[in-house]
PDB file of N, CA and C in Angstrom:
ATOM      1  N   MET A   1     -18.104 -25.128  -4.702  1.00  0.00           N
ATOM      2  CA  MET A   1     -17.834 -23.758  -4.208  1.00  0.00           C
ATOM      3  C   MET A   1     -16.354 -23.442  -4.243  1.00  0.00           C
ATOM      4  N   LYS A   2     -15.517 -24.429  -3.867  1.00  0.00           N
ATOM      5  CA  LYS A   2     -14.095 -24.190  -3.916  1.00  0.00           C
ATOM      6  C   LYS A   2     -13.601 -23.832  -5.309  1.00  0.00           C
ATOM      7  N   SER A   3     -14.144 -24.521  -6.301  1.00  0.00           N
ATOM      8  CA  SER A   3     -13.729 -24.234  -7.675  1.00  0.00           C
ATOM      9  C   SER A   3     -14.131 -22.841  -8.092  1.00  0.00           C
ATOM     10  N   ASP A   4     -15.271 -22.338  -7.620  1.00  0.00           N
ATOM     11  CA  ASP A   4     -15.717 -20.991  -7.907  1.00  0.00           C
ATOM     12  C   ASP A   4     -14.739 -19.980  -7.280  1.00  0.00           C
ATOM     13  N   ILE A   5     -14.316 -20.203  -6.066  1.00  0.00           N
ATOM     14  CA  ILE A   5     -13.403 -19.338  -5.385  1.00  0.00           C
ATOM     15  C   ILE A   5     -12.028 -19.316  -6.081  1.00  0.00           C
ATOM     16  N   GLN A   6     -11.599 -20.507  -6.458  1.00  0.00           N
ATOM     17  CA  GLN A   6     -10.337 -20.600  -7.170  1.00  0.00           C
ATOM     18  C   GLN A   6     -10.428 -19.867  -8.521  1.00  0.00           C
ATOM     19  N   PHE A   7     -11.518 -20.025  -9.204  1.00  0.00           N
ATOM     20  CA  PHE A   7     -11.722 -19.363 -10.498  1.00  0.00           C
ATOM     21  C   PHE A   7     -11.672 -17.877 -10.304  1.00  0.00           C
ATOM     22  N   ILE A   8     -12.301 -17.341  -9.300  1.00  0.00           N
ATOM     23  CA  ILE A   8     -12.372 -15.900  -9.024  1.00  0.00           C
ATOM     24  C   ILE A   8     -10.936 -15.432  -8.664  1.00  0.00           C
ATOM     25  N   LYS A   9     -10.222 -16.170  -7.848  1.00  0.00           N
ATOM     26  CA  LYS A   9      -8.814 -15.811  -7.487  1.00  0.00           C
ATOM     27  C   LYS A   9      -7.918 -15.729  -8.749  1.00  0.00           C
ATOM     28  N   GLU A  10      -8.058 -16.732  -9.588  1.00  0.00           N
ATOM     29  CA  GLU A  10      -7.238 -16.753 -10.826  1.00  0.00           C
ATOM     30  C   GLU A  10      -7.587 -15.599 -11.734  1.00  0.00           C
ATOM     31  N   ASP A  11      -8.902 -15.314 -11.842  1.00  0.00           N
ATOM     32  CA  ASP A  11      -9.343 -14.227 -12.710  1.00  0.00           C
ATOM     33  C   ASP A  11      -8.855 -12.878 -12.185  1.00  0.00           C
ATOM     34  N   LEU A  12      -8.912 -12.699 -10.859  1.00  0.00           N
ATOM     35  CA  LEU A  12      -8.438 -11.469 -10.244  1.00  0.00           C
ATOM     36  C   LEU A  12      -6.943 -11.313 -10.417  1.00  0.00           C
ATOM     37  N   SER A  13      -6.195 -12.413 -10.246  1.00  0.00           N
ATOM     38  CA  SER A  13      -4.765 -12.321 -10.403  1.00  0.00           C
ATOM     39  C   SER A  13      -4.397 -11.974 -11.856  1.00  0.00           C
ATOM     40  N   GLU A  14      -5.107 -12.473 -12.839  1.00  0.00           N
ATOM     41  CA  GLU A  14      -4.837 -12.126 -14.195  1.00  0.00           C
ATOM     42  C   GLU A  14      -5.179 -10.676 -14.480  1.00  0.00           C
ATOM     43  N   ILE A  15      -6.227 -10.178 -13.967  1.00  0.00           N
ATOM     44  CA  ILE A  15      -6.610  -8.783 -14.117  1.00  0.00           C
ATOM     45  C   ILE A  15      -5.534  -7.885 -13.524  1.00  0.00           C
ATOM     46  N   ASN A  16      -5.143  -8.212 -12.310  1.00  0.00           N
ATOM     47  CA  ASN A  16      -4.094  -7.398 -11.656  1.00  0.00           C
ATOM     48  C   ASN A  16      -2.799  -7.439 -12.413  1.00  0.00           C
ATOM     49  N   LEU A  17      -2.409  -8.571 -12.906  1.00  0.00           N
ATOM     50  CA  LEU A  17      -1.200  -8.712 -13.662  1.00  0.00           C
ATOM     51  C   LEU A  17      -1.283  -7.858 -14.960  1.00  0.00           C
ATOM     52  N   SER A  18      -2.457  -7.945 -15.606  1.00  0.00           N
ATOM     53  CA  SER A  18      -2.666  -7.168 -16.851  1.00  0.00           C
ATOM     54  C   SER A  18      -2.572  -5.690 -16.524  1.00  0.00           C
ATOM     55  N   GLU A  19      -3.200  -5.271 -15.459  1.00  0.00           N
ATOM     56  CA  GLU A  19      -3.156  -3.846 -15.101  1.00  0.00           C
ATOM     57  C   GLU A  19      -1.734  -3.416 -14.744  1.00  0.00           C
ATOM     58  N   ILE A  20      -1.026  -4.259 -14.031  1.00  0.00           N
ATOM     59  CA  ILE A  20       0.346  -3.961 -13.695  1.00  0.00           C
ATOM     60  C   ILE A  20       1.203  -3.834 -14.930  1.00  0.00           C
ATOM     61  N   LYS A  21       1.051  -4.729 -15.890  1.00  0.00           N
ATOM     62  CA  LYS A  21       1.814  -4.665 -17.129  1.00  0.00           C
ATOM     63  C   LYS A  21       1.470  -3.375 -17.869  1.00  0.00           C
ATOM     64  N   HIS A  22       0.229  -2.987 -17.882  1.00  0.00           N
ATOM     65  CA  HIS A  22      -0.192  -1.758 -18.565  1.00  0.00           C
ATOM     66  C   HIS A  22       0.467  -0.529 -17.901  1.00  0.00           C
ATOM     67  N   MET A  23       0.387  -0.524 -16.613  1.00  0.00           N
ATOM     68  CA  MET A  23       1.010   0.619 -15.869  1.00  0.00           C
ATOM     69  C   MET A  23       2.486   0.705 -16.073  1.00  0.00           C
ATOM     70  N   LEU A  24       3.198  -0.446 -16.067  1.00  0.00           N
ATOM     71  CA  LEU A  24       4.632  -0.457 -16.297  1.00  0.00           C
ATOM     72  C   LEU A  24       4.919   0.021 -17.735  1.00  0.00           C
ATOM     73  N   HIS A  25       4.090  -0.392 -18.675  1.00  0.00           N
ATOM     74  CA  HIS A  25       4.294   0.061 -20.083  1.00  0.00           C
ATOM     75  C   HIS A  25       4.159   1.565 -20.192  1.00  0.00           C
ATOM     76  N   GLU A  26       3.108   2.119 -19.540  1.00  0.00           N
ATOM     77  CA  GLU A  26       2.879   3.576 -19.557  1.00  0.00           C
ATOM     78  C   GLU A  26       4.034   4.294 -18.876  1.00  0.00           C
ATOM     79  N   LEU A  27       4.558   3.757 -17.802  1.00  0.00           N
ATOM     80  CA  LEU A  27       5.688   4.360 -17.065  1.00  0.00           C
ATOM     81  C   LEU A  27       6.934   4.367 -17.938  1.00  0.00           C
ATOM     82  N   ILE A  28       7.174   3.292 -18.647  1.00  0.00           N
ATOM     83  CA  ILE A  28       8.367   3.240 -19.534  1.00  0.00           C
ATOM     84  C   ILE A  28       8.206   4.254 -20.683  1.00  0.00           C
ATOM     85  N   LEU A  29       7.014   4.327 -21.238  1.00  0.00           N
ATOM     86  CA  LEU A  29       6.768   5.309 -22.323  1.00  0.00           C
ATOM     87  C   LEU A  29       7.019   6.736 -21.823  1.00  0.00           C
ATOM     88  N   HIS A  30       6.475   7.031 -20.593  1.00  0.00           N
ATOM     89  CA  HIS A  30       6.650   8.358 -20.019  1.00  0.00           C
ATOM     90  C   HIS A  30       8.111   8.652 -19.757  1.00  0.00           C
ATOM     91  N   HIS A  31       8.851   7.682 -19.287  1.00  0.00           N
ATOM     92  CA  HIS A  31      10.249   7.861 -18.969  1.00  0.00           C
ATOM     93  C   HIS A  31      11.050   8.067 -20.265  1.00  0.00           C
ATOM     94  N   GLU A  32      10.759   7.325 -21.316  1.00  0.00           N
ATOM     95  CA  GLU A  32      11.414   7.481 -22.616  1.00  0.00           C
ATOM     96  C   GLU A  32      11.096   8.875 -23.226  1.00  0.00           C
ATOM     97  N   ALA A  33       9.860   9.323 -23.123  1.00  0.00           N
ATOM     98  CA  ALA A  33       9.496  10.603 -23.662  1.00  0.00           C
ATOM     99  C   ALA A  33      10.216  11.722 -22.933  1.00  0.00           C
ATOM    100  N   GLY A  34      10.329  11.648 -21.632  1.00  0.00           N
ATOM    101  CA  GLY A  34      11.064  12.609 -20.838  1.00  0.00           C
ATOM    102  C   GLY A  34      12.531  12.645 -21.211  1.00  0.00           C
ATOM    103  N   GLY A  35      13.137  11.496 -21.426  1.00  0.00           N
ATOM    104  CA  GLY A  35      14.502  11.405 -21.859  1.00  0.00           C
ATOM    105  C   GLY A  35      14.715  12.032 -23.203  1.00  0.00           C
ATOM    106  N   MET A  36      13.812  11.799 -24.143  1.00  0.00           N
ATOM    107  CA  MET A  36      13.943  12.386 -25.463  1.00  0.00           C
ATOM    108  C   MET A  36      13.761  13.962 -25.409  1.00  0.00           C
ATOM    109  N   MET A  37      12.908  14.430 -24.540  1.00  0.00           N
ATOM    110  CA  MET A  37      12.694  15.857 -24.397  1.00  0.00           C
ATOM    111  C   MET A  37      13.944  16.467 -23.812  1.00  0.00           C
ATOM    112  N   LYS A  38      14.555  15.802 -22.814  1.00  0.00           N
ATOM    113  CA  LYS A  38      15.747  16.377 -22.191  1.00  0.00           C
ATOM    114  C   LYS A  38      16.910  16.335 -23.181  1.00  0.00           C
ATOM    115  N   LEU A  39      17.066  15.290 -23.945  1.00  0.00           N
ATOM    116  CA  LEU A  39      18.085  15.245 -24.957  1.00  0.00           C
ATOM    117  C   LEU A  39      17.900  16.316 -26.010  1.00  0.00           C
ATOM    118  N   SER A  40      16.660  16.483 -26.444  1.00  0.00           N
ATOM    119  CA  SER A  40      16.322  17.481 -27.435  1.00  0.00           C
ATOM    120  C   SER A  40      16.670  18.868 -26.906  1.00  0.00           C
ATOM    121  N   ASN A  41      16.286  19.142 -25.675  1.00  0.00           N
ATOM    122  CA  ASN A  41      16.619  20.446 -25.054  1.00  0.00           C
ATOM    123  C   ASN A  41      18.070  20.694 -25.009  1.00  0.00           C
ATOM    124  N   ARG A  42      18.879  19.696 -24.607  1.00  0.00           N
ATOM    125  CA  ARG A  42      20.333  19.885 -24.561  1.00  0.00           C
ATOM    126  C   ARG A  42      20.904  20.101 -25.955  1.00  0.00           C
ATOM    127  N   SER A  43      20.510  19.317 -26.938  1.00  0.00           N
ATOM    128  CA  SER A  43      21.098  19.424 -28.238  1.00  0.00           C
ATOM    129  C   SER A  43      20.685  20.724 -28.998  1.00  0.00           C
ATOM    130  N   LEU A  44      19.516  21.212 -28.719  1.00  0.00           N
ATOM    131  CA  LEU A  44      19.062  22.469 -29.358  1.00  0.00           C
ATOM    132  C   LEU A  44      19.481  23.741 -28.639  1.00  0.00           C
ATOM    133  N   HIS A  45      19.960  23.593 -27.404  1.00  0.00           N
ATOM    134  CA  HIS A  45      20.343  24.752 -26.535  1.00  0.00           C
ATOM    135  C   HIS A  45      21.351  25.631 -27.262  1.00  0.00           C
ATOM    136  N   ARG A  46      22.474  25.090 -27.703  1.00  0.00           N
ATOM    137  CA  ARG A  46      23.504  25.911 -28.392  1.00  0.00           C
ATOM    138  C   ARG A  46      22.975  26.526 -29.637  1.00  0.00           C
ATOM    139  N   PHE A  47      22.223  25.743 -30.404  1.00  0.00           N
ATOM    140  CA  PHE A  47      21.663  26.279 -31.654  1.00  0.00           C
ATOM    141  C   PHE A  47      20.711  27.458 -31.429  1.00  0.00           C
ATOM    142  N   LEU A  48      19.905  27.395 -30.377  1.00  0.00           N
ATOM    143  CA  LEU A  48      18.913  28.386 -30.160  1.00  0.00           C
ATOM    144  C   LEU A  48      19.321  29.502 -29.210  1.00  0.00           C
ATOM    145  N   GLN A  49      20.410  29.384 -28.524  1.00  0.00           N
ATOM    146  CA  GLN A  49      20.780  30.406 -27.474  1.00  0.00           C
ATOM    147  C   GLN A  49      21.037  31.761 -28.113  1.00  0.00           C
ATOM    148  N   ASP A  50      21.502  31.819 -29.323  1.00  0.00           N
ATOM    149  CA  ASP A  50      21.800  33.125 -29.973  1.00  0.00           C
ATOM    150  C   ASP A  50      20.612  33.656 -30.794  1.00  0.00           C
ATOM    151  N   GLU A  51      19.572  32.867 -30.902  1.00  0.00           N
ATOM    152  CA  GLU A  51      18.412  33.299 -31.703  1.00  0.00           C
ATOM    153  C   GLU A  51      17.545  34.227 -30.863  1.00  0.00           C
ATOM    154  N   PRO A  52      16.960  35.283 -31.442  1.00  0.00           N
ATOM    155  CA  PRO A  52      16.062  36.129 -30.724  1.00  0.00           C
ATOM    156  C   PRO A  52      14.750  35.419 -30.362  1.00  0.00           C
ATOM    157  N   ASP A  53      14.202  35.810 -29.237  1.00  0.00           N
ATOM    158  CA  ASP A  53      12.882  35.262 -28.800  1.00  0.00           C
ATOM    159  C   ASP A  53      11.815  35.878 -29.678  1.00  0.00           C
ATOM    160  N   ILE A  54      10.947  35.029 -30.174  1.00  0.00           N
ATOM    161  CA  ILE A  54       9.852  35.493 -31.022  1.00  0.00           C
ATOM    162  C   ILE A  54       8.732  36.041 -30.159  1.00  0.00           C
ATOM    163  N   TYR A  55       8.477  35.433 -29.055  1.00  0.00           N
ATOM    164  CA  TYR A  55       7.398  35.834 -28.104  1.00  0.00           C
ATOM    165  C   TYR A  55       8.013  36.246 -26.750  1.00  0.00           C
ATOM    166  N   THR A  56       7.364  37.188 -26.139  1.00  0.00           N
ATOM    167  CA  THR A  56       7.737  37.569 -24.778  1.00  0.00           C
ATOM    168  C   THR A  56       6.870  36.920 -23.759  1.00  0.00           C
ATOM    169  N   LEU A  57       7.153  37.010 -22.489  1.00  0.00           N
ATOM    170  CA  LEU A  57       6.286  36.462 -21.478  1.00  0.00           C
ATOM    171  C   LEU A  57       4.948  37.147 -21.439  1.00  0.00           C
ATOM    172  N   ASP A  58       4.903  38.440 -21.778  1.00  0.00           N
ATOM    173  CA  ASP A  58       3.629  39.172 -21.844  1.00  0.00           C
ATOM    174  C   ASP A  58       2.701  38.552 -22.909  1.00  0.00           C
ATOM    175  N   ASP A  59       3.267  38.049 -24.036  1.00  0.00           N
ATOM    176  CA  ASP A  59       2.503  37.406 -25.077  1.00  0.00           C
ATOM    177  C   ASP A  59       1.858  36.124 -24.579  1.00  0.00           C
ATOM    178  N   ALA A  60       2.511  35.453 -23.608  1.00  0.00           N
ATOM    179  CA  ALA A  60       2.037  34.133 -23.181  1.00  0.00           C
ATOM    180  C   ALA A  60       1.021  34.237 -22.071  1.00  0.00           C
ATOM    181  N   LYS A  61       0.833  35.428 -21.471  1.00  0.00           N
ATOM    182  CA  LYS A  61      -0.111  35.594 -20.358  1.00  0.00           C
ATOM    183  C   LYS A  61      -1.534  35.386 -20.816  1.00  0.00           C
ATOM    184  N   VAL A  62      -2.331  34.762 -20.010  1.00  0.00           N
ATOM    185  CA  VAL A  62      -3.733  34.497 -20.302  1.00  0.00           C
ATOM    186  C   VAL A  62      -4.547  35.123 -19.203  1.00  0.00           C
ATOM    187  N   VAL A  63      -5.626  35.771 -19.552  1.00  0.00           N
ATOM    188  CA  VAL A  63      -6.509  36.365 -18.590  1.00  0.00           C
ATOM    189  C   VAL A  63      -7.760  35.489 -18.458  1.00  0.00           C
ATOM    190  N   TYR A  64      -8.049  35.020 -17.280  1.00  0.00           N
ATOM    191  CA  TYR A  64      -9.220  34.218 -17.015  1.00  0.00           C
ATOM    192  C   TYR A  64     -10.293  35.098 -16.360  1.00  0.00           C
ATOM    193  N   ARG A  65     -11.480  34.981 -16.847  1.00  0.00           N
ATOM    194  CA  ARG A  65     -12.583  35.737 -16.266  1.00  0.00           C
ATOM    195  C   ARG A  65     -13.595  34.758 -15.671  1.00  0.00           C
ATOM    196  N   CYS A  66     -13.999  35.018 -14.483  1.00  0.00           N
ATOM    197  CA  CYS A  66     -14.993  34.198 -13.805  1.00  0.00           C
ATOM    198  C   CYS A  66     -16.268  34.981 -13.613  1.00  0.00           C
ATOM    199  N   GLU A  67     -17.335  34.496 -14.198  1.00  0.00           N
ATOM    200  CA  GLU A  67     -18.609  35.162 -14.050  1.00  0.00           C
ATOM    201  C   GLU A  67     -19.523  34.330 -13.172  1.00  0.00           C
ATOM    202  N   ASP A  68     -20.155  34.997 -12.238  1.00  0.00           N
ATOM    203  CA  ASP A  68     -21.101  34.302 -11.349  1.00  0.00           C
ATOM    204  C   ASP A  68     -22.352  33.940 -12.091  1.00  0.00           C
ATOM    205  N   TYR A  69     -22.901  32.778 -11.845  1.00  0.00           N
ATOM    206  CA  TYR A  69     -24.127  32.339 -12.515  1.00  0.00           C
ATOM    207  C   TYR A  69     -25.303  32.814 -11.786  1.00  0.00           C
TER     208      TYR A  69
END
């Protein structure tokens, strides 16, 4: 019985470690993507600041309709 408990503990610790590694990897990717977007925004700001806007805020508005069933 002790060996079964030890096996379960080891299995759980591996699963948790694997999940933690996966979450850290996702966090790093998210952080890198945010950094790239911020850098892109900064570097394109001067280039785009004198360009006219193609779309207005009115063009981006969406109307949602809710119908009762």
